[in-house]
C-alpha atoms as a PDB file:
ATOM      1  CA  UNK A   1     -15.351  39.320 -23.507  1.00  0.00           C
ATOM      2  CA  UNK A   2     -13.900  41.877 -25.927  1.00  0.00           C
ATOM      3  CA  UNK A   3     -15.054  42.216 -29.549  1.00  0.00           C
ATOM      4  CA  UNK A   4     -12.072  40.252 -30.994  1.00  0.00           C
ATOM      5  CA  UNK A   5     -12.778  37.291 -28.719  1.00  0.00           C
ATOM      6  CA  UNK A   6     -16.480  37.427 -29.576  1.00  0.00           C
ATOM      7  CA  UNK A   7     -15.746  37.489 -33.319  1.00  0.00           C
ATOM      8  CA  UNK A   8     -13.377  34.507 -32.982  1.00  0.00           C
ATOM      9  CA  UNK A   9     -15.990  32.587 -30.998  1.00  0.00           C
ATOM     10  CA  UNK A  10     -18.773  33.286 -33.537  1.00  0.00           C
ATOM     11  CA  UNK A  11     -16.498  32.239 -36.412  1.00  0.00           C
ATOM     12  CA  UNK A  12     -15.667  28.984 -34.657  1.00  0.00           C
ATOM     13  CA  UNK A  13     -19.340  28.262 -33.952  1.00  0.00           C
ATOM     14  CA  UNK A  14     -20.601  29.201 -37.433  1.00  0.00           C
ATOM     15  CA  UNK A  15     -21.441  25.654 -38.597  1.00  0.00           C
ATOM     16  CA  UNK A  16     -22.814  24.408 -35.241  1.00  0.00           C
ATOM     17  CA  UNK A  17     -26.552  23.755 -35.007  1.00  0.00           C
ATOM     18  CA  UNK A  18     -28.284  23.685 -31.628  1.00  0.00           C
ATOM     19  CA  UNK A  19     -30.036  20.552 -30.383  1.00  0.00           C
ATOM     20  CA  UNK A  20     -33.740  20.430 -30.888  1.00  0.00           C
ATOM     21  CA  UNK A  21     -36.088  18.383 -28.757  1.00  0.00           C
ATOM     22  CA  UNK A  22     -36.263  15.639 -31.411  1.00  0.00           C
ATOM     23  CA  UNK A  23     -32.484  15.263 -31.896  1.00  0.00           C
ATOM     24  CA  UNK A  24     -31.574  15.100 -28.204  1.00  0.00           C
ATOM     25  CA  UNK A  25     -31.097  11.617 -26.788  1.00  0.00           C
ATOM     26  CA  UNK A  26     -30.930  10.958 -23.099  1.00  0.00           C
ATOM     27  CA  UNK A  27     -28.672   8.162 -22.024  1.00  0.00           C
ATOM     28  CA  UNK A  28     -30.138   6.308 -19.057  1.00  0.00           C
ATOM     29  CA  UNK A  29     -27.777   5.955 -16.127  1.00  0.00           C
ATOM     30  CA  UNK A  30     -27.811   3.120 -13.685  1.00  0.00           C
ATOM     31  CA  UNK A  31     -28.857   4.134 -10.200  1.00  0.00           C
ATOM     32  CA  UNK A  32     -25.889   4.550  -7.899  1.00  0.00           C
ATOM     33  CA  UNK A  33     -25.703   1.898  -5.241  1.00  0.00           C
ATOM     34  CA  UNK A  34     -26.281   3.177  -1.738  1.00  0.00           C
ATOM     35  CA  UNK A  35     -23.110   3.381   0.255  1.00  0.00           C
ATOM     36  CA  UNK A  36     -23.202   1.243   3.335  1.00  0.00           C
ATOM     37  CA  UNK A  37     -21.897   2.962   6.425  1.00  0.00           C
ATOM     38  CA  UNK A  38     -19.726   0.704   8.515  1.00  0.00           C
ATOM     39  CA  UNK A  39     -21.104   1.572  11.931  1.00  0.00           C
ATOM     40  CA  UNK A  40     -18.154  -0.139  13.621  1.00  0.00           C
ATOM     41  CA  UNK A  41     -15.791   2.381  12.003  1.00  0.00           C
ATOM     42  CA  UNK A  42     -17.751   5.306  13.481  1.00  0.00           C
ATOM     43  CA  UNK A  43     -16.104   4.481  16.808  1.00  0.00           C
ATOM     44  CA  UNK A  44     -12.620   4.048  15.298  1.00  0.00           C
ATOM     45  CA  UNK A  45     -10.314   6.133  17.487  1.00  0.00           C
ATOM     46  CA  UNK A  46      -7.017   5.185  15.825  1.00  0.00           C
ATOM     47  CA  UNK A  47      -4.998   8.252  14.825  1.00  0.00           C
ATOM     48  CA  UNK A  48      -3.322   8.882  11.471  1.00  0.00           C
ATOM     49  CA  UNK A  49      -1.572  12.197  12.060  1.00  0.00           C
ATOM     50  CA  UNK A  50       2.163  12.794  12.459  1.00  0.00           C
ATOM     51  CA  UNK A  51       4.162   9.573  12.534  1.00  0.00           C
ATOM     52  CA  UNK A  52       7.511   8.760  14.112  1.00  0.00           C
ATOM     53  CA  UNK A  53       8.894   6.169  11.699  1.00  0.00           C
ATOM     54  CA  UNK A  54      10.483   3.235  13.506  1.00  0.00           C
ATOM     55  CA  UNK A  55      13.860   2.206  12.113  1.00  0.00           C
ATOM     56  CA  UNK A  56      13.932  -1.159  10.332  1.00  0.00           C
ATOM     57  CA  UNK A  57      16.555  -2.581  12.690  1.00  0.00           C
ATOM     58  CA  UNK A  58      14.487  -1.678  15.773  1.00  0.00           C
ATOM     59  CA  UNK A  59      12.230  -4.577  16.850  1.00  0.00           C
ATOM     60  CA  UNK A  60       8.643  -3.902  17.877  1.00  0.00           C
ATOM     61  CA  UNK A  61       8.237  -4.230  21.633  1.00  0.00           C
ATOM     62  CA  UNK A  62       5.572  -2.930  24.034  1.00  0.00           C
ATOM     63  CA  UNK A  63       4.362  -3.966  27.482  1.00  0.00           C
ATOM     64  CA  UNK A  64       1.688  -2.328  29.599  1.00  0.00           C
ATOM     65  CA  UNK A  65       2.549  -1.473  33.165  1.00  0.00           C
ATOM     66  CA  UNK A  66       1.505  -4.277  35.485  1.00  0.00           C
ATOM     67  CA  UNK A  67       1.976  -7.081  32.971  1.00  0.00           C
ATOM     68  CA  UNK A  68       4.329  -9.753  34.247  1.00  0.00           C
ATOM     69  CA  UNK A  69       7.643  -9.823  32.397  1.00  0.00           C
ATOM     70  CA  UNK A  70       7.343 -13.612  32.064  1.00  0.00           C
ATOM     71  CA  UNK A  71       4.221 -13.149  29.931  1.00  0.00           C
ATOM     72  CA  UNK A  72       6.100 -10.839  27.566  1.00  0.00           C
ATOM     73  CA  UNK A  73       9.043 -13.260  27.430  1.00  0.00           C
ATOM     74  CA  UNK A  74       6.756 -16.184  26.515  1.00  0.00           C
ATOM     75  CA  UNK A  75       5.102 -13.997  23.878  1.00  0.00           C
ATOM     76  CA  UNK A  76       8.528 -13.112  22.399  1.00  0.00           C
ATOM     77  CA  UNK A  77       9.495 -16.791  22.311  1.00  0.00           C
ATOM     78  CA  UNK A  78       6.273 -17.695  20.507  1.00  0.00           C
ATOM     79  CA  UNK A  79       5.125 -20.003  23.301  1.00  0.00           C
ATOM     80  CA  UNK A  80       1.503 -18.873  23.055  1.00  0.00           C
ATOM     81  CA  UNK A  81      -0.540 -20.323  20.212  1.00  0.00           C
ATOM     82  CA  UNK A  82      -1.915 -17.679  17.856  1.00  0.00           C
ATOM     83  CA  UNK A  83      -5.701 -17.781  18.043  1.00  0.00           C
ATOM     84  CA  UNK A  84      -6.255 -15.394  15.126  1.00  0.00           C
ATOM     85  CA  UNK A  85      -4.223 -13.563  12.504  1.00  0.00           C
ATOM     86  CA  UNK A  86      -4.544 -10.480  10.325  1.00  0.00           C
ATOM     87  CA  UNK A  87      -2.707  -9.865   7.048  1.00  0.00           C
ATOM     88  CA  UNK A  88      -2.023  -6.187   6.233  1.00  0.00           C
ATOM     89  CA  UNK A  89       0.416  -6.770   3.366  1.00  0.00           C
ATOM     90  CA  UNK A  90       0.370  -4.196   0.528  1.00  0.00           C
ATOM     91  CA  UNK A  91      -2.766  -2.428   1.728  1.00  0.00           C
ATOM     92  CA  UNK A  92      -3.295   1.331   2.030  1.00  0.00           C
ATOM     93  CA  UNK A  93      -2.742   2.795   5.493  1.00  0.00           C
ATOM     94  CA  UNK A  94      -6.404   3.770   5.919  1.00  0.00           C
ATOM     95  CA  UNK A  95      -7.557   0.283   5.022  1.00  0.00           C
ATOM     96  CA  UNK A  96      -5.031  -1.161   7.502  1.00  0.00           C
ATOM     97  CA  UNK A  97      -6.398   1.186  10.161  1.00  0.00           C
ATOM     98  CA  UNK A  98      -9.980   0.060   9.556  1.00  0.00           C
ATOM     99  CA  UNK A  99      -9.114  -3.632   9.396  1.00  0.00           C
ATOM    100  CA  UNK A 100      -7.014  -3.503  12.565  1.00  0.00           C
ATOM    101  CA  UNK A 101      -9.789  -1.752  14.490  1.00  0.00           C
ATOM    102  CA  UNK A 102     -12.406  -4.297  13.412  1.00  0.00           C
ATOM    103  CA  UNK A 103     -10.015  -7.215  14.041  1.00  0.00           C
ATOM    104  CA  UNK A 104      -9.122  -6.194  17.608  1.00  0.00           C
ATOM    105  CA  UNK A 105     -12.795  -5.539  18.425  1.00  0.00           C
ATOM    106  CA  UNK A 106     -13.817  -8.977  17.076  1.00  0.00           C
ATOM    107  CA  UNK A 107     -11.015 -10.760  18.914  1.00  0.00           C
ATOM    108  CA  UNK A 108     -11.922  -9.022  22.189  1.00  0.00           C
ATOM    109  CA  UNK A 109     -15.583  -9.987  21.787  1.00  0.00           C
ATOM    110  CA  UNK A 110     -14.542 -13.611  21.168  1.00  0.00           C
ATOM    111  CA  UNK A 111     -12.208 -13.595  24.217  1.00  0.00           C
ATOM    112  CA  UNK A 112      -9.149 -14.372  22.097  1.00  0.00           C
ATOM    113  CA  UNK A 113      -5.826 -13.654  23.803  1.00  0.00           C
ATOM    114  CA  UNK A 114      -2.924 -14.055  21.362  1.00  0.00           C
ATOM    115  CA  UNK A 115      -2.882 -12.738  17.816  1.00  0.00           C
ATOM    116  CA  UNK A 116      -0.495 -12.575  14.887  1.00  0.00           C
ATOM    117  CA  UNK A 117      -0.493  -9.484  12.667  1.00  0.00           C
ATOM    118  CA  UNK A 118       1.506  -9.600   9.417  1.00  0.00           C
ATOM    119  CA  UNK A 119       2.516  -6.114   8.226  1.00  0.00           C
ATOM    120  CA  UNK A 120       5.396  -6.888   5.862  1.00  0.00           C
ATOM    121  CA  UNK A 121       9.040  -5.894   5.601  1.00  0.00           C
ATOM    122  CA  UNK A 122      10.508  -2.950   3.777  1.00  0.00           C
ATOM    123  CA  UNK A 123      13.949  -2.375   2.318  1.00  0.00           C
ATOM    124  CA  UNK A 124      14.306   1.119   3.738  1.00  0.00           C
ATOM    125  CA  UNK A 125      12.800   3.208   6.542  1.00  0.00           C
ATOM    126  CA  UNK A 126      10.405   5.068   4.210  1.00  0.00           C
ATOM    127  CA  UNK A 127       9.025   1.944   2.497  1.00  0.00           C
ATOM    128  CA  UNK A 128       5.269   1.376   2.630  1.00  0.00           C
ATOM    129  CA  UNK A 129       5.648  -1.756   4.764  1.00  0.00           C
ATOM    130  CA  UNK A 130       7.690   0.143   7.361  1.00  0.00           C
ATOM    131  CA  UNK A 131       5.167   2.995   7.410  1.00  0.00           C
ATOM    132  CA  UNK A 132       2.386   0.456   8.101  1.00  0.00           C
ATOM    133  CA  UNK A 133       4.621  -1.166  10.755  1.00  0.00           C
ATOM    134  CA  UNK A 134       5.211   2.198  12.434  1.00  0.00           C
ATOM    135  CA  UNK A 135       1.489   3.045  12.410  1.00  0.00           C
ATOM    136  CA  UNK A 136       0.720  -0.429  13.741  1.00  0.00           C
ATOM    137  CA  UNK A 137       3.074   0.134  16.691  1.00  0.00           C
ATOM    138  CA  UNK A 138       1.248   3.381  17.483  1.00  0.00           C
ATOM    139  CA  UNK A 139      -2.254   1.992  16.957  1.00  0.00           C
ATOM    140  CA  UNK A 140      -1.755  -1.084  19.123  1.00  0.00           C
ATOM    141  CA  UNK A 141      -0.807   1.103  22.093  1.00  0.00           C
ATOM    142  CA  UNK A 142      -4.061   3.049  21.616  1.00  0.00           C
ATOM    143  CA  UNK A 143      -6.141  -0.068  22.324  1.00  0.00           C
ATOM    144  CA  UNK A 144      -6.952  -0.552  25.981  1.00  0.00           C
ATOM    145  CA  UNK A 145      -7.301  -4.310  25.335  1.00  0.00           C
ATOM    146  CA  UNK A 146      -3.691  -4.697  24.099  1.00  0.00           C
ATOM    147  CA  UNK A 147      -1.404  -5.775  26.941  1.00  0.00           C
ATOM    148  CA  UNK A 148       1.764  -6.354  24.924  1.00  0.00           C
ATOM    149  CA  UNK A 149       3.171  -6.845  21.442  1.00  0.00           C
ATOM    150  CA  UNK A 150       6.518  -7.807  19.975  1.00  0.00           C
ATOM    151  CA  UNK A 151       8.154  -8.869  16.716  1.00  0.00           C
ATOM    152  CA  UNK A 152       7.365 -12.420  15.641  1.00  0.00           C
ATOM    153  CA  UNK A 153       9.711 -15.369  15.275  1.00  0.00           C
ATOM    154  CA  UNK A 154      11.159 -16.032  11.793  1.00  0.00           C
ATOM    155  CA  UNK A 155       8.749 -18.889  11.008  1.00  0.00           C
ATOM    156  CA  UNK A 156       5.791 -16.533  11.672  1.00  0.00           C
ATOM    157  CA  UNK A 157       7.154 -13.646   9.616  1.00  0.00           C
ATOM    158  CA  UNK A 158      10.042 -12.318  11.696  1.00  0.00           C
ATOM    159  CA  UNK A 159      10.332  -8.535  11.612  1.00  0.00           C
ATOM    160  CA  UNK A 160       7.470  -8.451   9.089  1.00  0.00           C
ATOM    161  CA  UNK A 161       4.938  -9.605  11.689  1.00  0.00           C
ATOM    162  CA  UNK A 162       4.147  -9.164  15.358  1.00  0.00           C
ATOM    163  CA  UNK A 163       2.560 -11.102  18.191  1.00  0.00           C
ATOM    164  CA  UNK A 164      -0.129  -9.313  20.183  1.00  0.00           C
ATOM    165  CA  UNK A 165      -1.420 -10.239  23.656  1.00  0.00           C
ATOM    166  CA  UNK A 166      -4.890  -9.030  24.627  1.00  0.00           C
ATOM    167  CA  UNK A 167      -6.351  -8.651  28.115  1.00  0.00           C
ATOM    168  CA  UNK A 168      -8.195 -11.551  29.626  1.00  0.00           C
ATOM    169  CA  UNK A 169     -11.953 -11.344  29.514  1.00  0.00           C
ATOM    170  CA  UNK A 170     -13.872 -11.328  32.805  1.00  0.00           C
ATOM    171  CA  UNK A 171     -14.863 -14.970  32.207  1.00  0.00           C
ATOM    172  CA  UNK A 172     -11.235 -16.028  31.637  1.00  0.00           C
ATOM    173  CA  UNK A 173     -10.147 -14.203  34.797  1.00  0.00           C
ATOM    174  CA  UNK A 174     -12.836 -16.009  36.779  1.00  0.00           C
ATOM    175  CA  UNK A 175     -11.791 -19.354  35.306  1.00  0.00           C
ATOM    176  CA  UNK A 176      -8.134 -18.758  36.205  1.00  0.00           C
ATOM    177  CA  UNK A 177      -9.096 -17.682  39.707  1.00  0.00           C
ATOM    178  CA  UNK A 178     -11.132 -20.868  40.167  1.00  0.00           C
ATOM    179  CA  UNK A 179      -8.249 -23.048  38.936  1.00  0.00           C
ATOM    180  CA  UNK A 180      -5.847 -21.438  41.403  1.00  0.00           C
ATOM    181  CA  UNK A 181      -8.405 -21.647  44.218  1.00  0.00           C
ATOM    182  CA  UNK A 182      -8.725 -25.429  43.657  1.00  0.00           C
ATOM    183  CA  UNK A 183      -4.934 -25.861  43.826  1.00  0.00           C
ATOM    184  CA  UNK A 184      -4.606 -23.983  47.102  1.00  0.00           C
ATOM    185  CA  UNK A 185      -7.072 -26.222  48.958  1.00  0.00           C
END
């Protein structure tokens, strides 16, 4: 600090009196609540890096190798009843990522097979709803449990929603096998 700056500072501080012990008041602060760590999210493997934005006129469609085409066709026609749904409308991408991860995990644990996910519609390719839709298309393929997904029918949200088919649980596979075994006798 040069002498001119020091003189200006001292002039500005001329009428200031320092705090003494008796004039100082401490304002009590409320203790900060402890942040809860969502242990489920520690395993969240969904990526958020570079994104290929899907054009609005391009319908969502994905099928794992080995899945019968008839299953995908029934899914596209809305012939499977939705056992659970998730609404991602107007939520930040990170929150959508966390909710989707928890939702798919819960549905797998409960042996649910067909889901409806509402992501919203945008007016242009760079709209928030289309960004969420594009991330959703990427994230769903990252789940081993997801067998297929496609755009929903108009009465379920149309291009602003998608149907998702999850793998059968071991119990459901056994049940199906037993049903077919009874028929073949």
